[in-house]
Amino acid sequence: MIRKRPVVGFDEKPKQLIGDKREKIPMKPGQPERYDYEYERNGKVNIFVAIDFKAGKRDVKSYC
């Protein structure tokens, strides 16, 4: 069914891809998992989302 007036939303968001530089220290009894704040940059990506609210559909694409 083709709708004459679809309600469409569009959003774009750039994201940074990061990874851990050091291994996490596992949990011990009475102590939470520990990790270092230092990270390694693995590039970036742009995420695009188009939503048709009336049809209940969405389309997501990402580009590096």
N, C-alpha and C. Protein backbone atom coordinates (compact mmCIF):
# COMPACT_ATOMS: atom_id res chain seq x y z
N MET A 1 0.84 -1.18 0.00
CA MET A 1 0.00 0.00 0.00
C MET A 1 0.88 1.24 0.00
N ILE A 2 0.67 2.11 -0.95
CA ILE A 2 1.44 3.35 -1.05
C ILE A 2 0.67 4.45 -0.33
N ARG A 3 1.36 5.12 0.57
CA ARG A 3 0.73 6.21 1.34
C ARG A 3 0.96 7.52 0.61
N LYS A 4 -0.06 8.35 0.58
CA LYS A 4 0.06 9.63 -0.12
C LYS A 4 0.94 10.61 0.64
N ARG A 5 0.86 10.56 1.98
CA ARG A 5 1.63 11.51 2.78
C ARG A 5 2.33 10.78 3.94
N PRO A 6 3.47 10.15 3.65
CA PRO A 6 4.18 9.46 4.74
C PRO A 6 4.81 10.47 5.71
N VAL A 7 4.93 10.09 6.95
CA VAL A 7 5.62 10.90 7.96
C VAL A 7 7.00 10.27 8.13
N VAL A 8 8.01 10.96 7.64
CA VAL A 8 9.36 10.41 7.62
C VAL A 8 10.28 11.27 8.46
N GLY A 9 11.09 10.62 9.30
CA GLY A 9 12.11 11.30 10.09
C GLY A 9 13.48 10.84 9.62
N PHE A 10 14.47 11.72 9.73
CA PHE A 10 15.82 11.40 9.30
C PHE A 10 16.80 11.91 10.35
N ASP A 11 17.81 11.12 10.67
CA ASP A 11 18.81 11.53 11.64
C ASP A 11 20.18 11.02 11.21
N GLU A 12 21.20 11.79 11.54
CA GLU A 12 22.59 11.44 11.22
C GLU A 12 23.42 11.65 12.48
N LYS A 13 24.35 10.72 12.74
CA LYS A 13 25.19 10.86 13.92
C LYS A 13 26.59 10.32 13.64
N PRO A 14 27.62 11.16 13.80
CA PRO A 14 28.99 10.66 13.67
C PRO A 14 29.42 9.99 14.97
N LYS A 15 30.11 8.86 14.88
CA LYS A 15 30.59 8.14 16.06
C LYS A 15 32.07 7.82 15.89
N GLN A 16 32.78 7.81 16.99
CA GLN A 16 34.20 7.44 17.01
C GLN A 16 34.30 5.98 17.42
N LEU A 17 35.07 5.21 16.68
CA LEU A 17 35.27 3.79 17.01
C LEU A 17 36.53 3.68 17.85
N ILE A 18 36.38 3.15 19.07
CA ILE A 18 37.52 3.06 19.97
C ILE A 18 37.68 1.63 20.49
N GLY A 19 38.90 1.32 20.91
CA GLY A 19 39.20 0.01 21.48
C GLY A 19 40.07 0.17 22.72
N ASP A 20 40.16 -0.87 23.51
CA ASP A 20 40.97 -0.84 24.72
C ASP A 20 42.44 -0.98 24.37
N LYS A 21 43.29 -0.23 25.07
CA LYS A 21 44.74 -0.36 24.88
C LYS A 21 45.31 -1.43 25.80
N ARG A 22 44.69 -1.61 26.94
CA ARG A 22 45.18 -2.57 27.92
C ARG A 22 44.07 -3.54 28.28
N GLU A 23 44.46 -4.72 28.74
CA GLU A 23 43.49 -5.74 29.15
C GLU A 23 42.79 -5.31 30.44
N LYS A 24 41.51 -5.65 30.55
CA LYS A 24 40.76 -5.37 31.78
C LYS A 24 41.24 -6.33 32.87
N ILE A 25 41.18 -5.85 34.12
CA ILE A 25 41.53 -6.69 35.26
C ILE A 25 40.22 -7.32 35.74
N PRO A 26 40.12 -8.65 35.75
CA PRO A 26 38.84 -9.28 36.11
C PRO A 26 38.42 -9.01 37.56
N MET A 27 37.13 -9.25 37.82
CA MET A 27 36.58 -9.07 39.16
C MET A 27 37.17 -10.07 40.13
N LYS A 28 37.20 -9.65 41.39
CA LYS A 28 37.58 -10.52 42.50
C LYS A 28 36.45 -10.38 43.53
N PRO A 29 36.32 -11.30 44.44
CA PRO A 29 35.27 -11.17 45.44
C PRO A 29 35.37 -9.83 46.19
N GLY A 30 34.27 -9.08 46.18
CA GLY A 30 34.22 -7.79 46.86
C GLY A 30 34.88 -6.66 46.10
N GLN A 31 35.26 -6.88 44.82
CA GLN A 31 35.94 -5.85 44.04
C GLN A 31 35.40 -5.85 42.60
N PRO A 32 35.01 -4.70 42.07
CA PRO A 32 34.48 -4.66 40.71
C PRO A 32 35.59 -4.83 39.66
N GLU A 33 35.18 -5.08 38.42
CA GLU A 33 36.13 -5.17 37.31
C GLU A 33 36.82 -3.82 37.14
N ARG A 34 38.10 -3.84 36.81
CA ARG A 34 38.85 -2.60 36.63
C ARG A 34 39.30 -2.48 35.18
N TYR A 35 39.29 -1.23 34.69
CA TYR A 35 39.76 -0.98 33.33
C TYR A 35 40.41 0.38 33.26
N ASP A 36 41.28 0.55 32.30
CA ASP A 36 42.03 1.79 32.12
C ASP A 36 41.23 2.74 31.24
N TYR A 37 41.34 4.03 31.50
CA TYR A 37 40.62 5.04 30.72
C TYR A 37 41.29 5.29 29.36
N GLU A 38 42.52 4.85 29.18
CA GLU A 38 43.23 5.07 27.93
C GLU A 38 42.64 4.17 26.83
N TYR A 39 42.47 4.73 25.64
CA TYR A 39 41.87 3.96 24.54
C TYR A 39 42.64 4.17 23.24
N GLU A 40 42.37 3.32 22.28
CA GLU A 40 42.99 3.38 20.96
C GLU A 40 41.92 3.75 19.95
N ARG A 41 42.20 4.74 19.12
CA ARG A 41 41.22 5.17 18.13
C ARG A 41 41.28 4.25 16.91
N ASN A 42 40.12 3.73 16.50
CA ASN A 42 40.04 2.81 15.37
C ASN A 42 39.29 3.42 14.19
N GLY A 43 39.19 4.74 14.14
CA GLY A 43 38.52 5.40 13.03
C GLY A 43 37.20 6.02 13.44
N LYS A 44 36.40 6.36 12.45
CA LYS A 44 35.10 6.97 12.70
C LYS A 44 34.09 6.46 11.69
N VAL A 45 32.81 6.64 12.01
CA VAL A 45 31.74 6.17 11.15
C VAL A 45 30.57 7.15 11.26
N ASN A 46 29.82 7.31 10.18
CA ASN A 46 28.60 8.11 10.19
C ASN A 46 27.41 7.16 10.09
N ILE A 47 26.44 7.35 10.99
CA ILE A 47 25.26 6.50 11.01
C ILE A 47 24.06 7.32 10.55
N PHE A 48 23.32 6.80 9.58
CA PHE A 48 22.13 7.47 9.04
C PHE A 48 20.91 6.60 9.30
N VAL A 49 19.83 7.22 9.79
CA VAL A 49 18.59 6.50 10.07
C VAL A 49 17.43 7.25 9.45
N ALA A 50 16.60 6.54 8.68
CA ALA A 50 15.36 7.09 8.13
C ALA A 50 14.21 6.27 8.71
N ILE A 51 13.18 6.97 9.22
CA ILE A 51 12.06 6.30 9.88
C ILE A 51 10.75 6.75 9.24
N ASP A 52 9.92 5.77 8.86
CA ASP A 52 8.56 6.04 8.40
C ASP A 52 7.64 5.68 9.56
N PHE A 53 7.18 6.70 10.28
CA PHE A 53 6.42 6.48 11.51
C PHE A 53 5.09 5.78 11.27
N LYS A 54 4.38 6.15 10.23
CA LYS A 54 3.06 5.57 9.98
C LYS A 54 3.15 4.10 9.56
N ALA A 55 4.16 3.75 8.78
CA ALA A 55 4.32 2.37 8.32
C ALA A 55 5.07 1.51 9.35
N GLY A 56 5.72 2.14 10.32
CA GLY A 56 6.47 1.39 11.32
C GLY A 56 7.73 0.78 10.77
N LYS A 57 8.38 1.46 9.82
CA LYS A 57 9.60 0.94 9.21
C LYS A 57 10.76 1.88 9.47
N ARG A 58 11.97 1.30 9.46
CA ARG A 58 13.17 2.13 9.58
C ARG A 58 14.27 1.54 8.70
N ASP A 59 15.19 2.38 8.29
CA ASP A 59 16.32 1.97 7.47
C ASP A 59 17.58 2.59 8.08
N VAL A 60 18.58 1.77 8.36
CA VAL A 60 19.81 2.23 8.98
C VAL A 60 20.98 1.92 8.06
N LYS A 61 21.82 2.90 7.81
CA LYS A 61 23.02 2.74 6.99
C LYS A 61 24.20 3.36 7.74
N SER A 62 25.38 2.78 7.59
CA SER A 62 26.58 3.37 8.17
C SER A 62 27.67 3.42 7.11
N TYR A 63 28.44 4.49 7.16
CA TYR A 63 29.52 4.71 6.20
C TYR A 63 30.78 5.11 6.94
N CYS A 64 31.89 4.45 6.62
CA CYS A 64 33.17 4.77 7.24
C CYS A 64 33.87 5.89 6.51
